[in-house]
Amino acid sequence: MLTITVSSLSGGQGKTTTSLFLGRLLSRQGLPTLMLDSDPQHNLTTYLGFELEPNQPTLLEFLKKTVAPEDCIYPTQDNDNLFLIPADDQLDTVQDYLSNSGVGATLLKRRLEAISKIFKVCIIDAPPQRSQICLTVIGAADFLIIPAEASVKGYGSLVRTLDLLSGLQDVGATNAQVLGVLPFRDRWFGNTQAQESRAAVDGMRDEVGEESVIPSIRESERYKQAINKRTTLSELGYTDLEYPFEILIEKIHAALGGK
């Protein structure tokens, strides 16, 4: 199983949007795909149309190993290849458990080993804070995708995320590499890119190299439409807007070739 964490250390950077569209597209290509919601705000769980009943196991129980791993995994609607480990507000309570475990940064990686032969890809939607949960989802990753708004704020989020990744690599807590940096909400007026967007994307290229920056997710209401209708962009007739995800999926298939 290839584990990909979608992480960016600021809110509003497109983490859940990226996770959601990647998971849907990969699963519809026939790859058994596990989505893992590690954000206590649980937007990914909501966007996938999942409503938790009281006492249903979530990522909290998966991490604490209080139930069997398979009891935390749920099928999604209308997609036989897409599954979810959901989150809810209680996930925040796992922070102390991870901190006191002594192996917090590598704990999720160990937990995922039990189900690694069931799925081809695991997509983890990370929280926006530098928390114990954030450390363990980066520790579990083979690769990171870093979405970053095409703005000064987004560039800062990218730099902080790269710094955290480097620190975890230095202490042997992760072997994750950057699969791609994905500019988000790239603003264009006709054929002209907004000055702030252009400066931010240029800064991202300077930071990680031209080849690591994926074509942008442009600012568009079409993404929200697809999320709200629980479908893909191509099914709404906006195939061109899926291009950034197609590039990422090419990279994912290349990485799968080595596993």
Protein backbone atom coordinates (compact mmCIF):
# COMPACT_ATOMS: atom_id res chain seq x y z
CA MET A 1 0.00 0.00 0.00
CA LEU A 2 1.30 3.41 -0.99
CA THR A 3 0.56 5.97 1.72
CA ILE A 4 0.25 9.62 0.70
CA THR A 5 -0.32 12.39 3.22
CA VAL A 6 -1.81 15.65 2.00
CA SER A 7 -0.35 18.23 4.37
CA SER A 8 0.03 22.00 4.61
CA LEU A 9 0.52 23.89 7.86
CA SER A 10 -2.22 26.46 7.50
CA GLY A 11 -5.97 26.39 7.02
CA GLY A 12 -7.61 26.93 3.65
CA GLN A 13 -4.79 25.47 1.57
CA GLY A 14 -6.83 22.85 -0.30
CA LYS A 15 -5.86 19.73 1.67
CA THR A 16 -9.35 18.23 1.82
CA THR A 17 -10.16 19.25 -1.76
CA THR A 18 -7.00 17.56 -3.00
CA SER A 19 -7.56 14.43 -0.89
CA LEU A 20 -11.17 14.10 -1.99
CA PHE A 21 -10.62 14.43 -5.73
CA LEU A 22 -7.53 12.22 -5.70
CA GLY A 23 -9.33 9.48 -3.77
CA ARG A 24 -12.33 9.53 -6.07
CA LEU A 25 -10.26 9.49 -9.25
CA LEU A 26 -7.89 6.74 -8.06
CA SER A 27 -10.75 4.52 -6.92
CA ARG A 28 -12.62 4.98 -10.20
CA GLN A 29 -9.50 3.78 -12.00
CA GLY A 30 -9.97 0.48 -10.17
CA LEU A 31 -7.47 1.00 -7.34
CA PRO A 32 -8.77 -0.02 -3.89
CA THR A 33 -8.31 3.28 -2.08
CA LEU A 34 -8.47 4.08 1.63
CA MET A 35 -9.20 7.64 2.70
CA LEU A 36 -8.10 8.59 6.20
CA ASP A 37 -9.49 11.73 7.84
CA SER A 38 -7.01 12.91 10.45
CA ASP A 39 -8.42 16.41 10.96
CA PRO A 40 -10.64 16.86 14.04
CA GLN A 41 -12.72 19.26 11.93
CA HIS A 42 -13.61 16.10 9.92
CA ASN A 43 -14.45 17.87 6.64
CA LEU A 44 -13.38 14.89 4.55
CA THR A 45 -15.76 12.64 6.48
CA THR A 46 -18.57 15.13 5.88
CA TYR A 47 -17.79 15.62 2.18
CA LEU A 48 -17.87 11.86 1.63
CA GLY A 49 -21.42 11.88 2.99
CA PHE A 50 -20.65 9.88 6.09
CA GLU A 51 -22.65 10.56 9.25
CA LEU A 52 -21.26 8.80 12.31
CA GLU A 53 -23.62 7.14 14.74
CA PRO A 54 -22.81 7.28 18.47
CA ASN A 55 -20.04 4.86 19.45
CA GLN A 56 -19.02 4.04 15.88
CA PRO A 57 -15.23 3.53 15.76
CA THR A 58 -13.15 6.23 14.07
CA LEU A 59 -9.47 7.09 13.62
CA LEU A 60 -9.34 7.65 17.38
CA GLU A 61 -10.02 3.98 18.08
CA PHE A 62 -7.80 2.92 15.18
CA LEU A 63 -4.84 4.78 16.71
CA LYS A 64 -5.54 3.57 20.24
CA LYS A 65 -6.09 0.01 18.99
CA THR A 66 -9.21 -0.38 21.11
CA VAL A 67 -11.07 -2.19 18.28
CA ALA A 68 -10.01 -4.33 15.35
CA PRO A 69 -8.66 -2.23 12.45
CA GLU A 70 -11.36 -3.37 10.03
CA ASP A 71 -14.06 -2.09 12.42
CA CYS A 72 -12.84 1.47 11.75
CA ILE A 73 -13.07 1.18 7.94
CA TYR A 74 -16.32 2.04 6.17
CA PRO A 75 -17.42 1.80 2.53
CA THR A 76 -18.45 5.02 0.80
CA GLN A 77 -21.58 5.63 -1.22
CA ASP A 78 -21.73 4.48 -4.85
CA ASN A 79 -18.07 3.47 -5.03
CA ASP A 80 -16.93 -0.10 -4.40
CA ASN A 81 -13.23 0.85 -4.38
CA LEU A 82 -13.32 3.81 -1.97
CA PHE A 83 -13.24 3.37 1.81
CA LEU A 84 -12.92 5.72 4.77
CA ILE A 85 -11.48 5.80 8.25
CA PRO A 86 -13.52 8.76 9.55
CA ALA A 87 -12.86 11.40 12.18
CA ASP A 88 -15.03 13.37 14.56
CA ASP A 89 -14.56 16.06 17.21
CA GLN A 90 -13.20 13.51 19.70
CA LEU A 91 -10.06 12.95 17.63
CA ASP A 92 -8.39 15.88 19.40
CA THR A 93 -8.31 13.79 22.57
CA VAL A 94 -5.69 11.49 21.00
CA GLN A 95 -2.98 14.17 21.21
CA ASP A 96 -1.87 13.24 24.75
CA TYR A 97 -1.98 9.54 23.90
CA LEU A 98 0.37 10.09 20.96
CA SER A 99 2.65 12.35 23.00
CA ASN A 100 2.91 9.87 25.87
CA SER A 101 3.30 6.78 23.68
CA GLY A 102 6.98 7.46 23.03
CA VAL A 103 6.48 6.46 19.38
CA GLY A 104 3.88 9.03 18.37
CA ALA A 105 5.43 9.96 15.03
CA THR A 106 5.56 6.33 13.89
CA LEU A 107 2.44 4.97 15.57
CA LEU A 108 0.04 5.40 12.64
CA LYS A 109 2.54 3.74 10.31
CA ARG A 110 2.54 0.69 12.57
CA ARG A 111 -1.24 0.62 12.75
CA LEU A 112 -1.58 0.77 8.97
CA GLU A 113 0.65 -2.29 8.53
CA ALA A 114 -2.28 -4.50 9.55
CA ILE A 115 -4.32 -3.43 6.51
CA SER A 116 -1.53 -2.72 4.02
CA LYS A 117 -2.37 -5.73 1.83
CA ILE A 118 -6.05 -4.75 1.45
CA PHE A 119 -5.59 -1.40 -0.31
CA LYS A 120 -3.32 -0.13 -3.08
CA VAL A 121 -3.35 3.51 -1.96
CA CYS A 122 -4.04 5.32 1.30
CA ILE A 123 -4.74 9.07 1.10
CA ILE A 124 -4.47 10.92 4.44
CA ASP A 125 -6.07 14.33 4.89
CA ALA A 126 -3.83 16.00 7.49
CA PRO A 127 -4.78 18.65 10.05
CA PRO A 128 -3.51 22.20 9.47
CA GLN A 129 -1.73 22.50 12.83
CA ARG A 130 1.70 21.27 13.84
CA SER A 131 0.21 18.77 16.30
CA GLN A 132 0.90 15.23 17.43
CA ILE A 133 -1.65 14.04 14.87
CA CYS A 134 0.21 15.93 12.17
CA LEU A 135 3.48 14.30 13.18
CA THR A 136 2.08 10.77 13.05
CA VAL A 137 0.39 11.22 9.63
CA ILE A 138 3.63 12.52 8.14
CA GLY A 139 5.48 9.70 9.88
CA ALA A 140 3.17 7.20 8.17
CA ALA A 141 3.66 8.60 4.67
CA ASP A 142 5.68 7.32 1.75
CA PHE A 143 5.04 10.64 0.01
CA LEU A 144 3.68 14.08 0.81
CA ILE A 145 1.51 16.23 -1.40
CA ILE A 146 1.66 19.85 -0.24
CA PRO A 147 -1.19 22.03 -1.48
CA ALA A 148 -0.52 25.72 -0.96
CA GLU A 149 -2.65 28.70 -1.82
CA ALA A 150 -1.14 30.92 -4.52
CA SER A 151 -0.63 33.73 -2.02
CA VAL A 152 1.83 34.98 0.59
CA LYS A 153 -0.01 32.88 3.19
CA GLY A 154 0.23 29.78 1.00
CA TYR A 155 3.95 30.24 0.38
CA GLY A 156 4.49 30.52 4.15
CA SER A 157 2.48 27.34 4.70
CA LEU A 158 4.67 25.50 2.19
CA VAL A 159 7.88 26.66 3.89
CA ARG A 160 6.64 25.58 7.34
CA THR A 161 5.55 22.19 6.03
CA LEU A 162 8.90 21.57 4.35
CA ASP A 163 10.66 22.58 7.56
CA LEU A 164 8.60 20.10 9.59
CA LEU A 165 9.24 17.33 7.06
CA SER A 166 12.97 18.01 7.12
CA GLY A 167 13.01 17.90 10.93
CA LEU A 168 11.21 14.56 10.99
CA GLN A 169 13.53 13.16 8.34
CA ASP A 170 16.58 14.29 10.33
CA VAL A 171 15.52 12.29 13.41
CA GLY A 172 14.48 9.22 11.42
CA ALA A 173 10.76 9.65 12.12
CA THR A 174 9.78 9.51 8.43
CA ASN A 175 11.16 8.51 5.06
CA ALA A 176 8.51 10.53 3.22
CA GLN A 177 9.47 12.48 0.13
CA VAL A 178 7.57 15.29 -1.58
CA LEU A 179 5.50 13.93 -4.46
CA GLY A 180 4.41 17.39 -5.51
CA VAL A 181 3.54 20.93 -4.46
CA LEU A 182 0.09 21.92 -5.68
CA PRO A 183 -0.72 25.65 -5.98
CA PHE A 184 -4.32 26.23 -4.88
CA ARG A 185 -6.76 29.03 -5.71
CA ASP A 186 -4.46 30.36 -8.42
CA ARG A 187 -6.23 33.55 -9.54
CA TRP A 188 -6.45 34.44 -13.22
CA PHE A 189 -8.33 37.19 -15.03
CA GLY A 190 -8.88 35.79 -18.49
CA ASN A 191 -5.41 34.86 -19.74
CA THR A 192 -3.63 37.00 -17.15
CA GLN A 193 -2.44 35.55 -13.85
CA ALA A 194 -2.90 37.77 -10.79
CA GLN A 195 0.36 39.33 -9.64
CA GLU A 196 0.17 37.84 -6.12
CA SER A 197 -0.54 34.38 -7.53
CA ARG A 198 2.34 34.59 -9.98
CA ALA A 199 4.78 35.74 -7.28
CA ALA A 200 3.66 32.97 -4.92
CA VAL A 201 3.94 30.20 -7.53
CA ASP A 202 7.36 31.50 -8.59
CA GLY A 203 8.41 31.36 -4.94
CA MET A 204 7.20 27.75 -4.70
CA ARG A 205 9.28 26.83 -7.76
CA ASP A 206 12.33 28.48 -6.21
CA GLU A 207 11.72 26.52 -3.00
CA VAL A 208 11.28 22.99 -4.38
CA GLY A 209 12.29 23.14 -8.05
CA GLU A 210 10.23 23.53 -11.21
CA GLU A 211 9.62 19.79 -11.64
CA SER A 212 8.02 19.44 -8.19
CA VAL A 213 5.34 22.12 -8.69
CA ILE A 214 2.15 20.65 -10.15
CA PRO A 215 -0.07 22.70 -12.52
CA SER A 216 -2.31 24.89 -10.38
CA ILE A 217 -5.82 24.41 -9.13
CA ARG A 218 -7.27 27.65 -10.45
CA GLU A 219 -9.80 29.62 -8.45
CA SER A 220 -13.18 28.24 -9.54
CA GLU A 221 -16.58 27.49 -8.03
CA ARG A 222 -16.66 24.26 -10.07
CA TYR A 223 -14.67 22.42 -7.38
CA LYS A 224 -17.27 23.27 -4.74
CA GLN A 225 -20.03 22.16 -7.10
CA ALA A 226 -18.40 18.77 -7.57
CA ILE A 227 -17.83 18.39 -3.81
CA ASN A 228 -21.42 19.33 -2.97
CA LYS A 229 -22.80 16.95 -5.61
CA ARG A 230 -20.39 14.21 -4.47
CA THR A 231 -19.07 13.58 -7.94
CA THR A 232 -16.02 14.26 -10.12
CA LEU A 233 -15.32 17.33 -12.21
CA SER A 234 -15.38 15.31 -15.44
CA GLU A 235 -18.87 14.02 -14.67
CA LEU A 236 -19.99 17.66 -14.46
CA GLY A 237 -18.35 18.41 -17.80
CA TYR A 238 -15.24 20.17 -16.47
CA THR A 239 -12.59 17.65 -17.46
CA ASP A 240 -9.93 20.34 -17.96
CA LEU A 241 -10.08 21.23 -14.25
CA GLU A 242 -8.96 17.69 -13.36
CA TYR A 243 -5.58 18.18 -15.07
CA PRO A 244 -3.62 18.87 -11.82
CA PHE A 245 -4.98 15.65 -10.32
CA GLU A 246 -4.17 13.69 -13.49
CA ILE A 247 -0.53 14.78 -13.17
CA LEU A 248 -0.48 13.68 -9.53
CA ILE A 249 -2.07 10.35 -10.44
CA GLU A 250 0.64 9.76 -13.06
CA LYS A 251 3.22 10.27 -10.30
CA ILE A 252 1.28 7.92 -7.99
CA HIS A 253 1.19 5.18 -10.64
CA ALA A 254 4.94 5.60 -11.15
CA ALA A 255 5.48 5.24 -7.40
CA LEU A 256 3.23 2.16 -7.28
CA GLY A 257 5.46 0.56 -9.88
CA GLY A 258 8.18 0.41 -7.24
CA LYS A 259 6.04 -1.23 -4.55
